C-alpha atoms as a PDB file:
ATOM      1  CA  MET A   1      50.960 120.124  94.715  1.00  0.00           C
ATOM      2  CA  HIS A   2      53.404 118.923  91.712  1.00  0.00           C
ATOM      3  CA  LEU A   3      56.159 116.604  92.701  1.00  0.00           C
ATOM      4  CA  PRO A   4      59.862 117.228  91.384  1.00  0.00           C
ATOM      5  CA  LEU A   5      60.380 115.016  88.408  1.00  0.00           C
ATOM      6  CA  PRO A   6      63.747 112.920  89.855  1.00  0.00           C
ATOM      7  CA  PHE A   7      61.538 112.140  92.949  1.00  0.00           C
ATOM      8  CA  LEU A   8      58.595 111.077  90.985  1.00  0.00           C
ATOM      9  CA  ILE A   9      61.135 108.880  88.650  1.00  0.00           C
ATOM     10  CA  GLU A  10      63.064 107.269  92.081  1.00  0.00           C
ATOM     11  CA  VAL A  11      59.619 106.393  93.524  1.00  0.00           C
ATOM     12  CA  ASN A  12      58.837 104.239  90.422  1.00  0.00           C
ATOM     13  CA  LEU A  13      62.027 102.479  90.173  1.00  0.00           C
ATOM     14  CA  ILE A  14      61.915 101.595  94.062  1.00  0.00           C
ATOM     15  CA  ILE A  15      58.544 100.202  92.376  1.00  0.00           C
ATOM     16  CA  LEU A  16      59.559  98.522  89.738  1.00  0.00           C
ATOM     17  CA  CYS A  17      62.580  96.699  91.828  1.00  0.00           C
ATOM     18  CA  ASP A  18      60.141  95.890  94.526  1.00  0.00           C
ATOM     19  CA  ARG A  19      57.597  94.219  92.106  1.00  0.00           C
ATOM     20  CA  LEU A  20      60.995  92.411  90.070  1.00  0.00           C
ATOM     21  CA  LEU A  21      62.420  91.339  93.177  1.00  0.00           C
ATOM     22  CA  LYS A  22      58.925  89.848  94.369  1.00  0.00           C
ATOM     23  CA  THR A  23      58.139  88.190  91.707  1.00  0.00           C
ATOM     24  CA  THR A  24      61.702  87.096  90.632  1.00  0.00           C
ATOM     25  CA  PRO A  25      63.358  83.912  92.672  1.00  0.00           C
ATOM     26  CA  ALA A  26      67.028  84.565  90.641  1.00  0.00           C
ATOM     27  CA  LEU A  27      67.074  88.133  91.273  1.00  0.00           C
ATOM     28  CA  GLN A  28      66.463  87.247  94.995  1.00  0.00           C
ATOM     29  CA  GLN A  29      68.939  84.484  95.181  1.00  0.00           C
ATOM     30  CA  ILE A  30      71.366  87.133  93.533  1.00  0.00           C
ATOM     31  CA  VAL A  31      70.500  90.134  95.918  1.00  0.00           C
ATOM     32  CA  VAL A  32      70.724  87.601  99.092  1.00  0.00           C
ATOM     33  CA  ALA A  33      73.913  86.266  97.638  1.00  0.00           C
ATOM     34  CA  LEU A  34      75.224  89.483  97.366  1.00  0.00           C
ATOM     35  CA  GLY A  35      73.769  90.821 100.022  1.00  0.00           C
ATOM     36  CA  ALA A  36      75.698  88.020 102.001  1.00  0.00           C
ATOM     37  CA  THR A  37      79.245  88.842 100.635  1.00  0.00           C
ATOM     38  CA  TYR A  38      79.526  92.330 100.763  1.00  0.00           C
ATOM     39  CA  GLY A  39      77.505  92.161 104.428  1.00  0.00           C
ATOM     40  CA  LEU A  40      80.223  89.904 105.582  1.00  0.00           C
ATOM     41  CA  TYR A  41      82.996  92.009 104.634  1.00  0.00           C
ATOM     42  CA  PHE A  42      81.437  95.235 106.388  1.00  0.00           C
ATOM     43  CA  ILE A  43      80.642  93.344 109.603  1.00  0.00           C
ATOM     44  CA  SER A  44      84.077  91.570 110.366  1.00  0.00           C
ATOM     45  CA  SER A  45      85.840  95.013 109.219  1.00  0.00           C
ATOM     46  CA  PHE A  46      83.292  95.999 112.303  1.00  0.00           C
ATOM     47  CA  MET A  47      83.836  93.596 114.756  1.00  0.00           C
ATOM     48  CA  HIS A  48      87.857  93.994 114.162  1.00  0.00           C
ATOM     49  CA  PHE A  49      87.270  97.660 115.095  1.00  0.00           C
ATOM     50  CA  GLU A  50      88.756  98.766 111.504  1.00  0.00           C
ATOM     51  CA  PRO A  51      85.916  99.821 109.059  1.00  0.00           C
ATOM     52  CA  TRP A  52      87.724 102.711 107.767  1.00  0.00           C
ATOM     53  CA  HIS A  53      89.614 100.386 105.433  1.00  0.00           C
ATOM     54  CA  MET A  54      86.032  99.735 103.988  1.00  0.00           C
ATOM     55  CA  PHE A  55      85.508 103.081 103.116  1.00  0.00           C
ATOM     56  CA  THR A  56      89.007 104.100 101.969  1.00  0.00           C
ATOM     57  CA  SER A  57      89.836 100.585  99.831  1.00  0.00           C
ATOM     58  CA  PHE A  58      87.193  98.706  99.589  1.00  0.00           C
ATOM     59  CA  ILE A  59      86.461  99.260  95.494  1.00  0.00           C
ATOM     60  CA  GLN A  60      89.840  99.366  94.741  1.00  0.00           C
ATOM     61  CA  TYR A  61      89.756  95.743  96.591  1.00  0.00           C
ATOM     62  CA  MET A  62      86.491  94.825  94.971  1.00  0.00           C
ATOM     63  CA  PHE A  63      88.478  95.905  91.131  1.00  0.00           C
ATOM     64  CA  LEU A  64      91.618  93.808  92.129  1.00  0.00           C
ATOM     65  CA  LEU A  65      89.708  90.795  93.513  1.00  0.00           C
ATOM     66  CA  PRO A  66      89.797  88.681  90.377  1.00  0.00           C
ATOM     67  CA  SER A  67      93.603  88.721  90.197  1.00  0.00           C
ATOM     68  CA  TYR A  68      94.452  88.329  93.306  1.00  0.00           C
ATOM     69  CA  VAL A  69      92.352  84.971  92.894  1.00  0.00           C
ATOM     70  CA  ASN A  70      94.246  84.286  90.018  1.00  0.00           C
ATOM     71  CA  ILE A  71      97.537  84.635  91.143  1.00  0.00           C
ATOM     72  CA  LEU A  72      96.692  82.551  94.343  1.00  0.00           C
ATOM     73  CA  MET A  73      95.419  80.044  92.377  1.00  0.00           C
ATOM     74  CA  MET A  74      98.641  79.656  90.215  1.00  0.00           C
ATOM     75  CA  TYR A  75     100.985  79.948  92.893  1.00  0.00           C
ATOM     76  CA  ALA A  76      99.135  77.211  94.642  1.00  0.00           C
ATOM     77  CA  MET A  77      98.764  74.890  91.401  1.00  0.00           C
ATOM     78  CA  CYS A  78     102.578  75.980  90.859  1.00  0.00           C
ATOM     79  CA  ASN A  79     103.973  75.333  93.906  1.00  0.00           C
ATOM     80  CA  LEU A  80     106.326  78.204  92.618  1.00  0.00           C
ATOM     81  CA  HIS A  81     108.167  77.912  96.173  1.00  0.00           C
ATOM     82  CA  ASP A  82     110.037  74.699  96.019  1.00  0.00           C
ATOM     83  CA  VAL A  83     111.025  74.705  92.312  1.00  0.00           C
ATOM     84  CA  THR A  84     114.042  76.488  90.962  1.00  0.00           C
ATOM     85  CA  TRP A  85     114.292  77.991  87.646  1.00  0.00           C
ATOM     86  CA  GLY A  86     116.449  78.343  85.430  1.00  0.00           C
ATOM     87  CA  THR A  87     118.356  75.429  87.073  1.00  0.00           C
ATOM     88  CA  LYS A  88     116.822  72.169  85.296  1.00  0.00           C
ATOM     89  CA  GLY A  89     119.093  69.671  85.484  1.00  0.00           C
ATOM     90  CA  ASP A  90     121.987  70.895  87.050  1.00  0.00           C
ATOM     91  CA  ASN A  91     121.816  69.055  90.052  1.00  0.00           C
ATOM     92  CA  GLY A  92     125.742  68.309  90.749  1.00  0.00           C
ATOM     93  CA  ALA A  93     128.308  70.840  92.404  1.00  0.00           C
ATOM     94  CA  ALA A  94     129.190  73.823  90.591  1.00  0.00           C
ATOM     95  CA  LYS A  95     132.196  74.208  88.906  1.00  0.00           C
ATOM     96  CA  ASP A  96     134.771  76.063  89.851  1.00  0.00           C
ATOM     97  CA  LEU A  97     134.893  79.660  88.470  1.00  0.00           C
ATOM     98  CA  GLY A  98     137.293  81.418  90.036  1.00  0.00           C
ATOM     99  CA  GLY A  99     139.792  81.942  93.190  1.00  0.00           C
ATOM    100  CA  ALA A 100     138.670  84.280  95.463  1.00  0.00           C
ATOM    101  CA  LYS A 101     139.155  83.037  99.497  1.00  0.00           C
ATOM    102  CA  LYS A 102     138.825  84.792 102.146  1.00  0.00           C
ATOM    103  CA  VAL A 103     141.365  85.363 104.587  1.00  0.00           C
ATOM    104  CA  LYS A 104     142.770  87.550 107.496  1.00  0.00           C
ATOM    105  CA  GLY A 105     144.757  90.878 106.901  1.00  0.00           C
ATOM    106  CA  ASP A 106     147.954  92.154 109.020  1.00  0.00           C
ATOM    107  CA  ASP A 107     145.711  94.432 110.897  1.00  0.00           C
ATOM    108  CA  GLY A 108     143.274  91.004 111.853  1.00  0.00           C
ATOM    109  CA  LYS A 109     140.677  92.091 109.711  1.00  0.00           C
ATOM    110  CA  ASP A 110     138.878  89.869 107.239  1.00  0.00           C
ATOM    111  CA  MET A 111     139.774  90.109 103.801  1.00  0.00           C
ATOM    112  CA  MET A 112     138.613  88.872 100.041  1.00  0.00           C
ATOM    113  CA  GLU A 113     141.814  87.808  98.327  1.00  0.00           C
ATOM    114  CA  VAL A 114     141.088  87.319  94.561  1.00  0.00           C
ATOM    115  CA  GLU A 115     143.620  86.083  91.936  1.00  0.00           C
ATOM    116  CA  VAL A 116     143.151  88.435  88.845  1.00  0.00           C
ATOM    117  CA  PRO A 117     145.731  87.917  85.973  1.00  0.00           C
ATOM    118  CA  THR A 118     147.303  91.495  85.301  1.00  0.00           C
ATOM    119  CA  ALA A 119     150.161  90.746  82.648  1.00  0.00           C
ATOM    120  CA  ARG A 120     149.421  90.655  79.480  1.00  0.00           C
ATOM    121  CA  GLU A 121     150.585  87.395  78.513  1.00  0.00           C
ATOM    122  CA  ASP A 122     148.707  85.509  81.398  1.00  0.00           C
ATOM    123  CA  VAL A 123     145.555  87.261  79.942  1.00  0.00           C
ATOM    124  CA  ASP A 124     146.449  86.462  76.510  1.00  0.00           C
ATOM    125  CA  GLN A 125     147.488  82.759  77.886  1.00  0.00           C
ATOM    126  CA  LEU A 126     144.018  82.177  79.369  1.00  0.00           C
ATOM    127  CA  TRP A 127     141.901  83.846  76.392  1.00  0.00           C
ATOM    128  CA  VAL A 128     143.794  80.882  74.161  1.00  0.00           C
ATOM    129  CA  ALA A 129     143.211  78.244  76.744  1.00  0.00           C
ATOM    130  CA  SER A 130     139.537  78.846  77.256  1.00  0.00           C
ATOM    131  CA  ARG A 131     139.134  79.543  73.141  1.00  0.00           C
ATOM    132  CA  ASN A 132     140.418  76.059  72.570  1.00  0.00           C
ATOM    133  CA  ALA A 133     138.617  74.479  75.782  1.00  0.00           C
ATOM    134  CA  LEU A 134     135.546  75.797  73.943  1.00  0.00           C
ATOM    135  CA  LYS A 135     136.613  74.640  70.792  1.00  0.00           C
ATOM    136  CA  THR A 136     136.237  71.302  71.449  1.00  0.00           C
ATOM    137  CA  ARG A 137     132.691  69.178  72.304  1.00  0.00           C
ATOM    138  CA  PRO A 138     132.870  67.711  76.419  1.00  0.00           C
ATOM    139  CA  PRO A 139     131.761  63.789  75.631  1.00  0.00           C
ATOM    140  CA  ASP A 140     128.311  62.764  76.133  1.00  0.00           C
ATOM    141  CA  GLU A 141     128.177  61.398  79.782  1.00  0.00           C
ATOM    142  CA  LYS A 142     125.079  58.781  80.853  1.00  0.00           C
ATOM    143  CA  GLU A 143     123.192  60.273  83.438  1.00  0.00           C
ATOM    144  CA  HIS A 144     123.114  58.860  86.485  1.00  0.00           C
ATOM    145  CA  ARG A 145     120.550  59.854  88.639  1.00  0.00           C
ATOM    146  CA  ASP A 146     119.565  58.685  91.877  1.00  0.00           C
ATOM    147  CA  ALA A 147     115.843  57.262  93.083  1.00  0.00           C
ATOM    148  CA  ALA A 148     114.988  60.848  94.723  1.00  0.00           C
ATOM    149  CA  THR A 149     116.180  63.167  92.051  1.00  0.00           C
ATOM    150  CA  LYS A 150     113.645  60.662  89.910  1.00  0.00           C
ATOM    151  CA  GLN A 151     111.081  61.091  92.066  1.00  0.00           C
ATOM    152  CA  THR A 152     111.175  64.603  92.365  1.00  0.00           C
ATOM    153  CA  ASP A 153     111.485  65.287  88.689  1.00  0.00           C
ATOM    154  CA  ARG A 154     108.014  62.866  88.363  1.00  0.00           C
ATOM    155  CA  ASP A 155     106.528  65.176  90.898  1.00  0.00           C
ATOM    156  CA  ARG A 156     107.426  68.245  88.793  1.00  0.00           C
ATOM    157  CA  ASN A 157     106.033  66.894  85.697  1.00  0.00           C
ATOM    158  CA  SER A 158     102.634  65.362  87.208  1.00  0.00           C
ATOM    159  CA  ARG A 159     102.447  69.278  88.848  1.00  0.00           C
ATOM    160  CA  THR A 160     103.537  70.943  84.982  1.00  0.00           C
ATOM    161  CA  ASN A 161     100.842  68.798  83.611  1.00  0.00           C
ATOM    162  CA  VAL A 162      97.571  69.662  86.774  1.00  0.00           C
ATOM    163  CA  VAL A 163      99.042  73.334  85.950  1.00  0.00           C
ATOM    164  CA  VAL A 164      98.732  72.852  82.038  1.00  0.00           C
ATOM    165  CA  ALA A 165      95.233  71.159  82.640  1.00  0.00           C
ATOM    166  CA  TRP A 166      93.366  73.511  84.493  1.00  0.00           C
ATOM    167  CA  VAL A 167      95.144  76.499  82.509  1.00  0.00           C
ATOM    168  CA  GLY A 168      93.810  74.907  79.372  1.00  0.00           C
ATOM    169  CA  SER A 169      89.926  73.853  81.090  1.00  0.00           C
ATOM    170  CA  ASN A 170      90.288  77.809  81.999  1.00  0.00           C
ATOM    171  CA  MET A 171      90.396  78.577  78.715  1.00  0.00           C
ATOM    172  CA  TYR A 172      88.249  76.140  77.192  1.00  0.00           C
ATOM    173  CA  VAL A 173      85.415  77.680  79.790  1.00  0.00           C
ATOM    174  CA  ASP A 174      85.768  81.190  78.972  1.00  0.00           C
ATOM    175  CA  ILE A 175      85.913  80.493  75.536  1.00  0.00           C
ATOM    176  CA  ARG A 176      82.549  78.619  75.262  1.00  0.00           C
ATOM    177  CA  LEU A 177      80.916  81.691  77.452  1.00  0.00           C
ATOM    178  CA  HIS A 178      82.125  83.522  75.391  1.00  0.00           C
ATOM    179  CA  LYS A 179      81.095  82.137  72.395  1.00  0.00           C
ATOM    180  CA  SER A 180      77.529  81.300  73.506  1.00  0.00           C
ATOM    181  CA  GLY A 181      77.060  85.489  74.281  1.00  0.00           C
ATOM    182  CA  LEU A 182      77.733  85.103  77.983  1.00  0.00           C
ATOM    183  CA  THR A 183      79.624  88.216  79.852  1.00  0.00           C
ATOM    184  CA  LEU A 184      80.994  87.717  83.254  1.00  0.00           C
END
């Protein structure tokens, strides 16, 4: 009786894997850890009676998992939800940028009334005034910050230093692993 070659190869691979698994404790630990990790995903999906997600999107999820972890870590470390970007140092009230007012119309509906110069002389006069205002540099004002603003700035600075140290340490570990020939 002759057995097909693919069957013999499969049997030999199974025997080889079995021997390797029994003789290598590190491989045993890896198999147990992987089984526990992926098994937990499957068990929890069946516990919630939604196992179809495991069959339709599990592979994509596993490929994107490192980016999820990195994005969530950056979000947690940077605390982005309370940092306003683009307004550093602008803690005062906004300057007047024009005249738009909410008024009641003749029919009782709310309307916006906007002041727009329409005559050529008015536009030219505003242009000259704006140009002259930009030519003269405003005097430097000494910055007066209250204690709460100073504390907030210190907190943001320390948070920035933690993020820089965290990113730097990750880069250092990555460079060391790649220099030594390890790939993850």
